[in-house]
N, C-alpha and C. Protein backbone atom coordinates (compact mmCIF):
# COMPACT_ATOMS: atom_id res chain seq x y z
N UNK A 1 96.57 -288.68 171.02
CA UNK A 1 98.00 -288.59 171.17
C UNK A 1 98.50 -287.35 170.42
N UNK A 2 99.42 -286.65 171.02
CA UNK A 2 100.00 -285.45 170.42
C UNK A 2 101.21 -285.85 169.60
N UNK A 3 101.25 -285.41 168.34
CA UNK A 3 102.40 -285.64 167.48
C UNK A 3 103.34 -284.45 167.58
N UNK A 4 104.62 -284.75 167.66
CA UNK A 4 105.62 -283.69 167.70
C UNK A 4 106.57 -283.90 166.54
N UNK A 5 106.67 -282.90 165.66
CA UNK A 5 107.62 -282.94 164.56
C UNK A 5 108.87 -282.21 165.00
N UNK A 6 110.01 -282.87 164.85
CA UNK A 6 111.28 -282.27 165.23
C UNK A 6 112.43 -283.04 164.63
N UNK A 7 113.64 -282.67 165.04
CA UNK A 7 114.83 -283.39 164.60
C UNK A 7 115.94 -283.24 165.63
N UNK A 8 116.79 -284.26 165.75
CA UNK A 8 117.78 -284.27 166.82
C UNK A 8 118.86 -283.19 166.71
N UNK A 9 119.04 -282.60 165.55
CA UNK A 9 120.05 -281.54 165.41
C UNK A 9 119.52 -280.18 165.85
N UNK A 10 118.28 -280.12 166.25
CA UNK A 10 117.66 -278.88 166.73
C UNK A 10 117.67 -278.88 168.26
N UNK A 11 118.35 -277.93 168.91
CA UNK A 11 118.40 -277.94 170.37
C UNK A 11 117.02 -277.77 171.02
N UNK A 12 116.13 -277.03 170.38
CA UNK A 12 114.78 -276.86 170.91
C UNK A 12 114.02 -278.19 170.88
N UNK A 13 114.21 -278.94 169.79
CA UNK A 13 113.57 -280.24 169.65
C UNK A 13 114.16 -281.24 170.64
N UNK A 14 115.48 -281.21 170.79
CA UNK A 14 116.15 -282.12 171.72
C UNK A 14 115.65 -281.89 173.14
N UNK A 15 115.44 -280.64 173.48
CA UNK A 15 114.94 -280.30 174.81
C UNK A 15 113.54 -280.87 175.03
N UNK A 16 112.71 -280.76 174.02
CA UNK A 16 111.35 -281.33 174.09
C UNK A 16 111.42 -282.84 174.16
N UNK A 17 112.27 -283.45 173.32
CA UNK A 17 112.39 -284.91 173.29
C UNK A 17 112.76 -285.46 174.66
N UNK A 18 113.66 -284.80 175.35
CA UNK A 18 114.07 -285.25 176.68
C UNK A 18 112.89 -285.23 177.67
N UNK A 19 111.97 -284.28 177.49
CA UNK A 19 110.82 -284.18 178.39
C UNK A 19 109.77 -285.26 178.16
N UNK A 20 109.73 -285.82 176.96
CA UNK A 20 108.67 -286.79 176.65
C UNK A 20 109.14 -288.24 176.71
N UNK A 21 110.41 -288.46 177.01
CA UNK A 21 110.90 -289.83 177.14
C UNK A 21 110.06 -290.57 178.18
N UNK A 22 109.63 -291.77 177.82
CA UNK A 22 108.81 -292.57 178.72
C UNK A 22 107.34 -292.19 178.72
N UNK A 23 106.97 -291.25 177.87
CA UNK A 23 105.57 -290.79 177.81
C UNK A 23 104.97 -291.08 176.43
N UNK A 24 105.34 -292.24 175.86
CA UNK A 24 104.91 -292.60 174.52
C UNK A 24 103.40 -292.77 174.40
N UNK A 25 102.72 -292.92 175.53
CA UNK A 25 101.26 -293.02 175.49
C UNK A 25 100.61 -291.64 175.29
N UNK A 26 101.38 -290.57 175.50
CA UNK A 26 100.87 -289.20 175.34
C UNK A 26 101.39 -288.52 174.09
N UNK A 27 102.64 -288.83 173.72
CA UNK A 27 103.32 -288.12 172.64
C UNK A 27 103.94 -289.08 171.64
N UNK A 28 103.86 -288.71 170.36
CA UNK A 28 104.57 -289.41 169.30
C UNK A 28 105.57 -288.43 168.70
N UNK A 29 106.85 -288.73 168.83
CA UNK A 29 107.90 -287.87 168.29
C UNK A 29 108.23 -288.33 166.88
N UNK A 30 108.12 -287.43 165.93
CA UNK A 30 108.38 -287.76 164.53
C UNK A 30 109.63 -287.00 164.10
N UNK A 31 110.70 -287.73 163.87
CA UNK A 31 111.98 -287.16 163.45
C UNK A 31 111.91 -286.87 161.96
N UNK A 32 111.82 -285.60 161.59
CA UNK A 32 111.65 -285.24 160.17
C UNK A 32 112.91 -285.48 159.36
N UNK A 33 114.05 -285.65 160.03
CA UNK A 33 115.28 -285.93 159.32
C UNK A 33 115.54 -287.42 159.11
N UNK A 34 114.69 -288.25 159.70
CA UNK A 34 114.91 -289.70 159.65
C UNK A 34 114.65 -290.30 158.28
N UNK A 35 113.58 -289.83 157.63
CA UNK A 35 113.29 -290.33 156.29
C UNK A 35 112.41 -289.32 155.54
N UNK A 36 112.32 -289.53 154.24
CA UNK A 36 111.61 -288.58 153.38
C UNK A 36 110.11 -288.53 153.68
N UNK A 37 109.54 -289.64 154.13
CA UNK A 37 108.09 -289.64 154.46
C UNK A 37 107.80 -288.68 155.60
N UNK A 38 108.65 -288.71 156.62
CA UNK A 38 108.46 -287.80 157.76
C UNK A 38 108.64 -286.34 157.34
N UNK A 39 109.67 -286.07 156.54
CA UNK A 39 109.90 -284.71 156.07
C UNK A 39 108.75 -284.24 155.19
N UNK A 40 108.25 -285.11 154.35
CA UNK A 40 107.14 -284.77 153.47
C UNK A 40 105.88 -284.45 154.26
N UNK A 41 105.58 -285.25 155.29
CA UNK A 41 104.40 -285.00 156.12
C UNK A 41 104.52 -283.64 156.81
N UNK A 42 105.71 -283.35 157.34
CA UNK A 42 105.91 -282.05 157.99
C UNK A 42 105.80 -280.91 156.98
N UNK A 43 106.41 -281.08 155.82
CA UNK A 43 106.39 -280.03 154.80
C UNK A 43 104.97 -279.71 154.38
N UNK A 44 104.13 -280.73 154.24
CA UNK A 44 102.72 -280.48 153.89
C UNK A 44 102.04 -279.62 154.96
N UNK A 45 102.30 -279.93 156.23
CA UNK A 45 101.73 -279.11 157.30
C UNK A 45 102.24 -277.67 157.22
N UNK A 46 103.54 -277.55 157.08
CA UNK A 46 104.18 -276.22 157.07
C UNK A 46 103.72 -275.38 155.88
N UNK A 47 103.52 -276.03 154.77
CA UNK A 47 103.11 -275.30 153.56
C UNK A 47 101.66 -274.86 153.58
N UNK A 48 100.84 -275.50 154.41
CA UNK A 48 99.40 -275.22 154.34
C UNK A 48 98.81 -274.59 155.59
N UNK A 49 99.47 -274.67 156.72
CA UNK A 49 98.87 -274.14 157.95
C UNK A 49 99.43 -272.76 158.28
N UNK A 50 98.55 -271.78 158.51
CA UNK A 50 99.00 -270.41 158.78
C UNK A 50 99.80 -270.25 160.08
N UNK A 51 99.79 -271.24 160.96
CA UNK A 51 100.57 -271.14 162.19
C UNK A 51 102.06 -271.00 161.86
N UNK A 52 102.47 -271.46 160.67
CA UNK A 52 103.87 -271.39 160.26
C UNK A 52 104.24 -270.12 159.50
N UNK A 53 103.28 -269.24 159.25
CA UNK A 53 103.53 -268.05 158.43
C UNK A 53 104.68 -267.20 158.98
N UNK A 54 104.67 -266.94 160.27
CA UNK A 54 105.75 -266.12 160.84
C UNK A 54 107.10 -266.82 160.71
N UNK A 55 107.13 -268.12 160.95
CA UNK A 55 108.38 -268.89 160.81
C UNK A 55 108.94 -268.74 159.41
N UNK A 56 108.08 -268.88 158.43
CA UNK A 56 108.53 -268.77 157.04
C UNK A 56 109.03 -267.36 156.74
N UNK A 57 108.38 -266.35 157.30
CA UNK A 57 108.80 -264.96 157.07
C UNK A 57 110.19 -264.69 157.60
N UNK A 58 110.54 -265.31 158.72
CA UNK A 58 111.85 -265.05 159.33
C UNK A 58 112.89 -266.12 158.98
N UNK A 59 112.52 -267.07 158.12
CA UNK A 59 113.45 -268.09 157.69
C UNK A 59 113.66 -269.22 158.68
N UNK A 60 112.70 -269.39 159.58
CA UNK A 60 112.77 -270.45 160.57
C UNK A 60 112.04 -271.68 160.04
N UNK A 61 112.49 -272.85 160.44
CA UNK A 61 111.86 -274.09 159.97
C UNK A 61 110.49 -274.31 160.61
N UNK A 62 110.38 -274.02 161.91
CA UNK A 62 109.09 -274.21 162.60
C UNK A 62 109.01 -275.50 163.38
N UNK A 63 110.14 -275.97 163.89
CA UNK A 63 110.15 -277.14 164.76
C UNK A 63 110.73 -276.76 166.11
N UNK A 64 110.28 -277.37 167.16
CA UNK A 64 109.29 -278.43 167.18
C UNK A 64 107.89 -277.89 166.92
N UNK A 65 107.11 -278.70 166.24
CA UNK A 65 105.72 -278.37 165.96
C UNK A 65 104.85 -279.46 166.58
N UNK A 66 103.75 -279.05 167.17
CA UNK A 66 102.88 -279.96 167.92
C UNK A 66 101.53 -280.05 167.24
N UNK A 67 101.13 -281.27 166.88
CA UNK A 67 99.81 -281.49 166.28
C UNK A 67 98.95 -282.12 167.36
N UNK A 68 97.93 -281.38 167.77
CA UNK A 68 97.04 -281.84 168.84
C UNK A 68 96.06 -282.89 168.32
N UNK A 69 95.41 -283.54 169.24
CA UNK A 69 94.48 -284.61 168.88
C UNK A 69 93.34 -284.13 167.98
N UNK A 70 92.97 -282.87 168.09
CA UNK A 70 91.90 -282.34 167.24
C UNK A 70 92.41 -281.88 165.87
N UNK A 71 93.73 -282.06 165.62
CA UNK A 71 94.30 -281.68 164.33
C UNK A 71 94.88 -280.28 164.30
N UNK A 72 94.62 -279.49 165.32
CA UNK A 72 95.19 -278.14 165.35
C UNK A 72 96.69 -278.22 165.62
N UNK A 73 97.39 -277.17 165.21
CA UNK A 73 98.85 -277.14 165.32
C UNK A 73 99.28 -275.94 166.14
N UNK A 74 100.27 -276.16 166.99
CA UNK A 74 100.85 -275.08 167.76
C UNK A 74 102.37 -275.23 167.75
N UNK A 75 103.04 -274.12 167.93
CA UNK A 75 104.49 -274.12 168.06
C UNK A 75 104.89 -273.83 169.51
N UNK A 76 103.91 -273.74 170.38
CA UNK A 76 104.12 -273.40 171.79
C UNK A 76 104.09 -274.65 172.66
N UNK A 77 105.24 -275.08 173.19
CA UNK A 77 105.27 -276.28 174.03
C UNK A 77 104.36 -276.20 175.25
N UNK A 78 104.13 -275.01 175.77
CA UNK A 78 103.29 -274.86 176.96
C UNK A 78 101.87 -275.34 176.71
N UNK A 79 101.41 -275.23 175.48
CA UNK A 79 100.05 -275.66 175.13
C UNK A 79 99.87 -277.16 175.40
N UNK A 80 100.95 -277.93 175.27
CA UNK A 80 100.87 -279.38 175.49
C UNK A 80 101.52 -279.78 176.82
N UNK A 81 101.76 -278.79 177.68
CA UNK A 81 102.27 -279.08 179.01
C UNK A 81 103.77 -279.29 179.10
N UNK A 82 104.52 -278.79 178.11
CA UNK A 82 105.97 -278.92 178.11
C UNK A 82 106.63 -277.56 178.27
N UNK A 83 107.92 -277.56 178.57
CA UNK A 83 108.66 -276.32 178.81
C UNK A 83 109.54 -276.03 177.60
N UNK A 84 109.53 -274.78 177.17
CA UNK A 84 110.34 -274.37 176.03
C UNK A 84 111.78 -274.11 176.45
N UNK A 85 112.70 -274.54 175.62
CA UNK A 85 114.13 -274.31 175.84
C UNK A 85 114.40 -272.80 175.88
N UNK A 86 115.19 -272.39 176.86
CA UNK A 86 115.57 -270.99 176.95
C UNK A 86 114.62 -270.12 177.76
N UNK A 87 113.55 -270.69 178.31
CA UNK A 87 112.64 -269.90 179.13
C UNK A 87 113.09 -269.97 180.59
N UNK A 88 112.48 -269.16 181.42
CA UNK A 88 112.87 -269.10 182.83
C UNK A 88 112.70 -270.44 183.55
N UNK A 89 111.73 -271.24 183.13
CA UNK A 89 111.48 -272.53 183.77
C UNK A 89 112.36 -273.66 183.23
N UNK A 90 113.15 -273.36 182.21
CA UNK A 90 113.93 -274.39 181.54
C UNK A 90 115.22 -274.71 182.27
N UNK A 91 115.58 -275.98 182.23
CA UNK A 91 116.90 -276.44 182.67
C UNK A 91 117.78 -276.49 181.43
N UNK A 92 119.05 -276.69 181.62
CA UNK A 92 119.93 -276.83 180.47
C UNK A 92 119.79 -278.23 179.88
N UNK A 93 120.23 -278.40 178.64
CA UNK A 93 120.22 -279.72 178.02
C UNK A 93 121.09 -280.69 178.82
N UNK A 94 122.19 -280.20 179.34
CA UNK A 94 123.08 -281.04 180.14
C UNK A 94 122.36 -281.53 181.40
N UNK A 95 121.58 -280.65 182.03
CA UNK A 95 120.80 -281.06 183.20
C UNK A 95 119.85 -282.19 182.85
N UNK A 96 119.16 -282.05 181.72
CA UNK A 96 118.22 -283.07 181.29
C UNK A 96 118.92 -284.40 181.05
N UNK A 97 119.98 -284.34 180.28
CA UNK A 97 120.67 -285.58 179.91
C UNK A 97 121.33 -286.26 181.11
N UNK A 98 121.69 -285.48 182.11
CA UNK A 98 122.32 -286.08 183.29
C UNK A 98 121.28 -286.56 184.30
N UNK A 99 119.99 -286.33 184.01
CA UNK A 99 118.94 -286.85 184.86
C UNK A 99 118.61 -285.97 186.05
N UNK A 100 118.95 -284.70 186.00
CA UNK A 100 118.64 -283.78 187.09
C UNK A 100 117.16 -283.80 187.41
N UNK A 101 116.82 -283.92 188.66
CA UNK A 101 115.43 -283.94 189.08
C UNK A 101 114.79 -282.57 188.87
N UNK A 102 113.54 -282.57 188.47
CA UNK A 102 112.80 -281.34 188.26
C UNK A 102 112.92 -280.76 186.87
N UNK A 103 113.69 -281.42 186.03
CA UNK A 103 113.86 -280.92 184.66
C UNK A 103 112.92 -281.65 183.72
C-alpha cells in the first residue's frame, strides 16, 4: 500500500485526495495536520530523506509525499499513477468535487 502524507489545507494534497477516494486498498492518506504523531512521522521522513532537499532549500514543506511499498519516497504523483494539480492533464478542484467524469 502506498502512503501519502498531506493535509487538507494544501490544494495539491486536496487534489490528490480526491483522486484516491474509494481506493483505500491501494492508498493510505495520512493527514499530517490531524495529530502530532502524523506530523512527527512526516517530519522524520523529511529530515532524513534527500528527496526533500530541494523542498527545504526553497522553503517548501514537501507535501504531498508518497511512500512506496519498498520504502522509497517520491514527490511525483505520476510515479504512483496520479495526476499532479496544475498540469496539462489536471482538472480543477471544482471539477473533482462536483464529480466531473474523467477527473
